[in-house]
Amino acid sequence: MNFKQAMFCGLLVLPVSLGSVVSAGAEIILPGASLSVSCANGGNYVLQSGPVASPGEIVTARLYLKPHRAVPMRLIPMGDGYRYAGRGIWLDGIGQQALLYRSKYQPTPCVIGRN
């Protein structure tokens, strides 16, 4: 099998494999998608994704603390959970449960949801 045949076979198999991944219930988060962060202190914030390396991964984001004030955030994988860190603020979580740190030793419990 030469290179052209291998590429052609790969292009034929790709849509079938992508269809099985999407139908398996995998959530795809597109660039510009937003997640809501509802905190116990009554604050509701928006986490909006930036450009993605691969579908379903949010590597960079912006956390809107006020309607027109966003803090750039960066994903730091943490074993089972995640951490989005920005300048002076970070969000630690596992699944939908998270802690928002606006100061070093005072976390606020939050719930992450889709907008």
N, C-alpha and C. Protein backbone atom coordinates (compact mmCIF):
# COMPACT_ATOMS: atom_id res chain seq x y z
N MET A 1 0.86 -1.17 0.00
CA MET A 1 0.00 0.00 0.00
C MET A 1 0.91 1.23 0.00
N ASN A 2 0.69 2.12 -0.94
CA ASN A 2 1.50 3.33 -0.99
C ASN A 2 0.88 4.45 -0.16
N PHE A 3 1.55 5.57 -0.11
CA PHE A 3 1.13 6.68 0.74
C PHE A 3 -0.23 7.24 0.35
N LYS A 4 -0.50 7.39 -0.96
CA LYS A 4 -1.78 7.93 -1.42
C LYS A 4 -2.94 7.02 -1.02
N GLN A 5 -2.75 5.72 -1.14
CA GLN A 5 -3.81 4.78 -0.75
C GLN A 5 -4.06 4.84 0.75
N ALA A 6 -3.00 4.96 1.53
CA ALA A 6 -3.15 5.04 2.98
C ALA A 6 -3.90 6.30 3.38
N MET A 7 -3.59 7.42 2.74
CA MET A 7 -4.30 8.68 3.03
C MET A 7 -5.77 8.57 2.65
N PHE A 8 -6.05 7.96 1.48
CA PHE A 8 -7.42 7.81 1.03
C PHE A 8 -8.23 6.94 2.01
N CYS A 9 -7.64 5.84 2.47
CA CYS A 9 -8.32 4.96 3.43
C CYS A 9 -8.52 5.67 4.76
N GLY A 10 -7.55 6.46 5.16
CA GLY A 10 -7.68 7.22 6.40
C GLY A 10 -8.79 8.24 6.32
N LEU A 11 -8.94 8.90 5.16
CA LEU A 11 -10.02 9.88 4.99
C LEU A 11 -11.38 9.21 4.96
N LEU A 12 -11.45 7.97 4.48
CA LEU A 12 -12.72 7.25 4.49
C LEU A 12 -13.11 6.81 5.89
N VAL A 13 -12.14 6.45 6.71
CA VAL A 13 -12.41 5.96 8.06
C VAL A 13 -12.68 7.11 9.04
N LEU A 14 -12.12 8.29 8.79
CA LEU A 14 -12.23 9.41 9.72
C LEU A 14 -13.67 9.80 10.04
N PRO A 15 -14.56 10.01 9.05
CA PRO A 15 -15.94 10.38 9.41
C PRO A 15 -16.65 9.30 10.23
N VAL A 16 -16.36 8.04 9.96
CA VAL A 16 -17.00 6.95 10.70
C VAL A 16 -16.53 6.98 12.15
N SER A 17 -15.24 7.17 12.38
CA SER A 17 -14.73 7.19 13.74
C SER A 17 -15.19 8.43 14.48
N LEU A 18 -15.26 9.58 13.81
CA LEU A 18 -15.76 10.80 14.46
C LEU A 18 -17.23 10.67 14.82
N GLY A 19 -18.00 10.04 13.95
CA GLY A 19 -19.41 9.84 14.23
C GLY A 19 -19.64 8.97 15.46
N SER A 20 -18.80 7.96 15.66
CA SER A 20 -18.97 7.09 16.82
C SER A 20 -18.57 7.81 18.09
N VAL A 21 -17.59 8.73 18.04
CA VAL A 21 -17.20 9.48 19.22
C VAL A 21 -18.29 10.45 19.62
N VAL A 22 -18.85 11.18 18.65
CA VAL A 22 -19.88 12.15 18.95
C VAL A 22 -21.14 11.46 19.45
N SER A 23 -21.49 10.33 18.87
CA SER A 23 -22.70 9.63 19.29
C SER A 23 -22.53 8.95 20.64
N ALA A 24 -21.30 8.80 21.11
CA ALA A 24 -21.06 8.16 22.40
C ALA A 24 -21.35 9.10 23.57
N GLY A 25 -21.78 10.33 23.29
CA GLY A 25 -22.14 11.26 24.35
C GLY A 25 -21.03 12.20 24.74
N ALA A 26 -19.99 12.29 23.94
CA ALA A 26 -18.90 13.21 24.24
C ALA A 26 -19.37 14.63 23.97
N GLU A 27 -19.11 15.53 24.93
CA GLU A 27 -19.47 16.92 24.75
C GLU A 27 -18.38 17.62 23.99
N ILE A 28 -18.75 18.32 22.94
CA ILE A 28 -17.79 19.11 22.19
C ILE A 28 -18.02 20.56 22.54
N ILE A 29 -16.97 21.22 23.02
CA ILE A 29 -17.06 22.62 23.38
C ILE A 29 -16.31 23.40 22.31
N LEU A 30 -17.01 24.28 21.63
CA LEU A 30 -16.43 25.03 20.53
C LEU A 30 -15.82 26.33 21.03
N PRO A 31 -14.91 26.93 20.27
CA PRO A 31 -14.36 28.22 20.67
C PRO A 31 -15.48 29.25 20.82
N GLY A 32 -15.39 30.03 21.86
CA GLY A 32 -16.41 31.04 22.13
C GLY A 32 -17.58 30.52 22.96
N ALA A 33 -17.60 29.22 23.26
CA ALA A 33 -18.66 28.67 24.10
C ALA A 33 -18.49 29.20 25.51
N SER A 34 -19.58 29.30 26.23
CA SER A 34 -19.48 29.84 27.58
C SER A 34 -20.11 28.89 28.59
N LEU A 35 -19.53 28.87 29.77
CA LEU A 35 -20.00 28.09 30.89
C LEU A 35 -20.39 29.06 32.00
N SER A 36 -21.41 28.73 32.76
CA SER A 36 -21.80 29.58 33.87
C SER A 36 -21.17 29.07 35.15
N VAL A 37 -20.71 29.98 35.98
CA VAL A 37 -20.11 29.67 37.26
C VAL A 37 -21.01 30.32 38.31
N SER A 38 -21.83 29.52 39.00
CA SER A 38 -22.74 30.02 40.02
C SER A 38 -22.14 29.72 41.39
N CYS A 39 -21.88 30.77 42.15
CA CYS A 39 -21.18 30.62 43.42
C CYS A 39 -22.11 30.82 44.61
N ALA A 40 -21.68 30.30 45.77
CA ALA A 40 -22.47 30.37 46.99
C ALA A 40 -22.60 31.80 47.51
N ASN A 41 -21.72 32.70 47.11
CA ASN A 41 -21.80 34.09 47.57
C ASN A 41 -22.82 34.89 46.76
N GLY A 42 -23.54 34.23 45.88
CA GLY A 42 -24.55 34.90 45.07
C GLY A 42 -24.02 35.39 43.73
N GLY A 43 -22.75 35.23 43.50
CA GLY A 43 -22.16 35.67 42.24
C GLY A 43 -22.38 34.68 41.13
N ASN A 44 -22.73 35.19 39.97
CA ASN A 44 -22.86 34.38 38.75
C ASN A 44 -21.89 34.94 37.74
N TYR A 45 -20.93 34.12 37.33
CA TYR A 45 -19.88 34.55 36.43
C TYR A 45 -19.95 33.71 35.17
N VAL A 46 -19.28 34.19 34.12
CA VAL A 46 -19.25 33.48 32.84
C VAL A 46 -17.80 33.14 32.54
N LEU A 47 -17.57 31.86 32.20
CA LEU A 47 -16.26 31.38 31.76
C LEU A 47 -16.39 31.10 30.28
N GLN A 48 -15.76 31.95 29.45
CA GLN A 48 -15.88 31.82 28.00
C GLN A 48 -14.59 31.25 27.42
N SER A 49 -14.73 30.22 26.61
CA SER A 49 -13.55 29.55 26.08
C SER A 49 -12.88 30.38 25.00
N GLY A 50 -11.57 30.19 24.90
CA GLY A 50 -10.79 30.82 23.85
C GLY A 50 -10.56 29.83 22.73
N PRO A 51 -9.52 30.04 21.93
CA PRO A 51 -9.20 29.07 20.87
C PRO A 51 -8.87 27.70 21.46
N VAL A 52 -9.24 26.64 20.76
CA VAL A 52 -9.01 25.28 21.25
C VAL A 52 -8.00 24.56 20.37
N ALA A 53 -7.22 23.67 21.01
CA ALA A 53 -6.26 22.85 20.26
C ALA A 53 -6.98 21.68 19.61
N SER A 54 -7.90 21.06 20.35
CA SER A 54 -8.70 19.97 19.79
C SER A 54 -10.11 20.10 20.34
N PRO A 55 -11.11 19.61 19.62
CA PRO A 55 -12.49 19.75 20.07
C PRO A 55 -12.69 19.14 21.46
N GLY A 56 -13.41 19.86 22.32
CA GLY A 56 -13.70 19.37 23.66
C GLY A 56 -12.74 19.85 24.72
N GLU A 57 -11.65 20.48 24.34
CA GLU A 57 -10.67 20.97 25.31
C GLU A 57 -10.71 22.48 25.38
N ILE A 58 -10.86 23.01 26.58
CA ILE A 58 -10.74 24.44 26.79
C ILE A 58 -9.39 24.64 27.45
N VAL A 59 -8.44 25.23 26.75
CA VAL A 59 -7.11 25.43 27.30
C VAL A 59 -6.96 26.86 27.80
N THR A 60 -7.51 27.80 27.08
CA THR A 60 -7.53 29.19 27.53
C THR A 60 -8.98 29.65 27.62
N ALA A 61 -9.22 30.58 28.51
CA ALA A 61 -10.57 31.09 28.69
C ALA A 61 -10.50 32.49 29.28
N ARG A 62 -11.67 33.12 29.35
CA ARG A 62 -11.81 34.42 30.01
C ARG A 62 -12.92 34.28 31.04
N LEU A 63 -12.64 34.70 32.27
CA LEU A 63 -13.64 34.67 33.33
C LEU A 63 -14.17 36.08 33.50
N TYR A 64 -15.46 36.26 33.22
CA TYR A 64 -16.09 37.57 33.33
C TYR A 64 -16.62 37.76 34.74
N LEU A 65 -15.93 38.61 35.51
CA LEU A 65 -16.37 38.91 36.86
C LEU A 65 -17.46 39.98 36.84
N LYS A 66 -17.41 40.87 35.87
CA LYS A 66 -18.42 41.89 35.61
C LYS A 66 -18.71 41.81 34.12
N PRO A 67 -19.81 42.41 33.66
CA PRO A 67 -20.16 42.26 32.24
C PRO A 67 -19.06 42.63 31.25
N HIS A 68 -18.26 43.64 31.54
CA HIS A 68 -17.23 44.05 30.58
C HIS A 68 -15.83 43.95 31.17
N ARG A 69 -15.65 43.14 32.22
CA ARG A 69 -14.33 42.96 32.83
C ARG A 69 -14.00 41.48 32.86
N ALA A 70 -13.06 41.08 32.01
CA ALA A 70 -12.68 39.67 31.92
C ALA A 70 -11.24 39.48 32.39
N VAL A 71 -11.01 38.35 33.06
CA VAL A 71 -9.67 37.96 33.47
C VAL A 71 -9.24 36.79 32.59
N PRO A 72 -8.11 36.92 31.86
CA PRO A 72 -7.63 35.79 31.07
C PRO A 72 -7.24 34.62 31.98
N MET A 73 -7.66 33.41 31.63
CA MET A 73 -7.40 32.22 32.43
C MET A 73 -6.69 31.18 31.56
N ARG A 74 -5.93 30.32 32.23
CA ARG A 74 -5.20 29.25 31.55
C ARG A 74 -5.46 27.95 32.28
N LEU A 75 -5.69 26.86 31.56
CA LEU A 75 -5.95 25.56 32.16
C LEU A 75 -4.66 24.94 32.66
N ILE A 76 -4.71 24.43 33.91
CA ILE A 76 -3.62 23.66 34.49
C ILE A 76 -4.22 22.32 34.92
N PRO A 77 -3.93 21.21 34.22
CA PRO A 77 -4.49 19.91 34.61
C PRO A 77 -4.01 19.52 36.00
N MET A 78 -4.90 18.96 36.81
CA MET A 78 -4.59 18.64 38.20
C MET A 78 -5.01 17.20 38.53
N GLY A 79 -4.48 16.21 37.88
CA GLY A 79 -4.84 14.82 38.16
C GLY A 79 -6.28 14.55 37.76
N ASP A 80 -7.17 14.38 38.73
CA ASP A 80 -8.58 14.12 38.45
C ASP A 80 -9.35 15.39 38.14
N GLY A 81 -8.85 16.53 38.55
CA GLY A 81 -9.57 17.79 38.41
C GLY A 81 -8.90 18.73 37.44
N TYR A 82 -9.18 20.01 37.64
CA TYR A 82 -8.64 21.04 36.78
C TYR A 82 -8.43 22.31 37.58
N ARG A 83 -7.65 23.20 37.04
CA ARG A 83 -7.45 24.53 37.62
C ARG A 83 -7.34 25.52 36.47
N TYR A 84 -8.17 26.54 36.53
CA TYR A 84 -8.04 27.67 35.62
C TYR A 84 -7.45 28.79 36.44
N ALA A 85 -6.26 29.23 36.06
CA ALA A 85 -5.56 30.25 36.82
C ALA A 85 -5.41 31.52 36.00
N GLY A 86 -5.64 32.63 36.68
CA GLY A 86 -5.44 33.94 36.08
C GLY A 86 -4.69 34.80 37.07
N ARG A 87 -4.53 36.04 36.77
CA ARG A 87 -3.79 36.94 37.64
C ARG A 87 -4.60 37.23 38.91
N GLY A 88 -4.15 36.65 40.03
CA GLY A 88 -4.79 36.89 41.32
C GLY A 88 -6.09 36.14 41.56
N ILE A 89 -6.45 35.22 40.67
CA ILE A 89 -7.71 34.48 40.80
C ILE A 89 -7.53 33.10 40.18
N TRP A 90 -8.16 32.09 40.76
CA TRP A 90 -8.13 30.76 40.15
C TRP A 90 -9.37 29.98 40.54
N LEU A 91 -9.67 28.99 39.72
CA LEU A 91 -10.86 28.16 39.86
C LEU A 91 -10.41 26.70 39.86
N ASP A 92 -10.55 26.03 41.01
CA ASP A 92 -10.21 24.61 41.14
C ASP A 92 -11.48 23.80 41.12
N GLY A 93 -11.49 22.68 40.40
CA GLY A 93 -12.70 21.89 40.38
C GLY A 93 -12.51 20.46 39.93
N ILE A 94 -13.55 19.69 40.19
CA ILE A 94 -13.68 18.32 39.70
C ILE A 94 -15.11 18.21 39.19
N GLY A 95 -15.25 17.98 37.90
CA GLY A 95 -16.57 17.90 37.30
C GLY A 95 -17.31 19.22 37.39
N GLN A 96 -18.51 19.20 37.97
CA GLN A 96 -19.32 20.42 38.08
C GLN A 96 -19.06 21.20 39.36
N GLN A 97 -18.39 20.61 40.33
CA GLN A 97 -18.11 21.28 41.60
C GLN A 97 -16.77 21.98 41.53
N ALA A 98 -16.72 23.23 41.99
CA ALA A 98 -15.48 24.00 41.91
C ALA A 98 -15.37 24.95 43.10
N LEU A 99 -14.16 25.42 43.33
CA LEU A 99 -13.88 26.44 44.33
C LEU A 99 -13.25 27.63 43.61
N LEU A 100 -13.82 28.80 43.81
CA LEU A 100 -13.29 30.02 43.22
C LEU A 100 -12.48 30.76 44.27
N TYR A 101 -11.22 30.97 43.98
CA TYR A 101 -10.32 31.69 44.89
C TYR A 101 -10.11 33.09 44.34
N ARG A 102 -10.70 34.08 45.02
CA ARG A 102 -10.44 35.48 44.67
C ARG A 102 -9.39 36.06 45.59
N SER A 103 -9.16 35.40 46.72
CA SER A 103 -8.04 35.71 47.61
C SER A 103 -7.47 34.38 48.08
N LYS A 104 -6.28 34.39 48.62
CA LYS A 104 -5.51 33.16 48.82
C LYS A 104 -6.19 32.11 49.70
N TYR A 105 -6.74 32.49 50.82
CA TYR A 105 -7.26 31.50 51.77
C TYR A 105 -8.78 31.55 51.95
N GLN A 106 -9.50 32.14 51.02
CA GLN A 106 -10.94 32.25 51.14
C GLN A 106 -11.64 31.74 49.88
N PRO A 107 -11.77 30.41 49.73
CA PRO A 107 -12.45 29.88 48.54
C PRO A 107 -13.97 30.03 48.66
N THR A 108 -14.61 30.16 47.53
CA THR A 108 -16.06 30.22 47.45
C THR A 108 -16.53 29.01 46.67
N PRO A 109 -17.39 28.16 47.24
CA PRO A 109 -17.90 26.99 46.49
C PRO A 109 -18.77 27.43 45.32
N CYS A 110 -18.59 26.78 44.18
CA CYS A 110 -19.34 27.12 42.98
C CYS A 110 -19.78 25.86 42.25
N VAL A 111 -20.75 26.04 41.37
CA VAL A 111 -21.24 24.97 40.50
C VAL A 111 -21.07 25.45 39.06
N ILE A 112 -20.48 24.59 38.22
CA ILE A 112 -20.23 24.92 36.82
C ILE A 112 -21.36 24.30 35.98
N GLY A 113 -21.92 25.09 35.08
CA GLY A 113 -22.99 24.60 34.21
C GLY A 113 -22.85 25.16 32.81
N ARG A 114 -23.60 24.57 31.88
CA ARG A 114 -23.60 25.04 30.49
C ARG A 114 -24.56 26.22 30.36
N ASN A 115 -24.21 27.18 29.51
CA ASN A 115 -25.11 28.31 29.20
C ASN A 115 -26.01 27.93 28.07
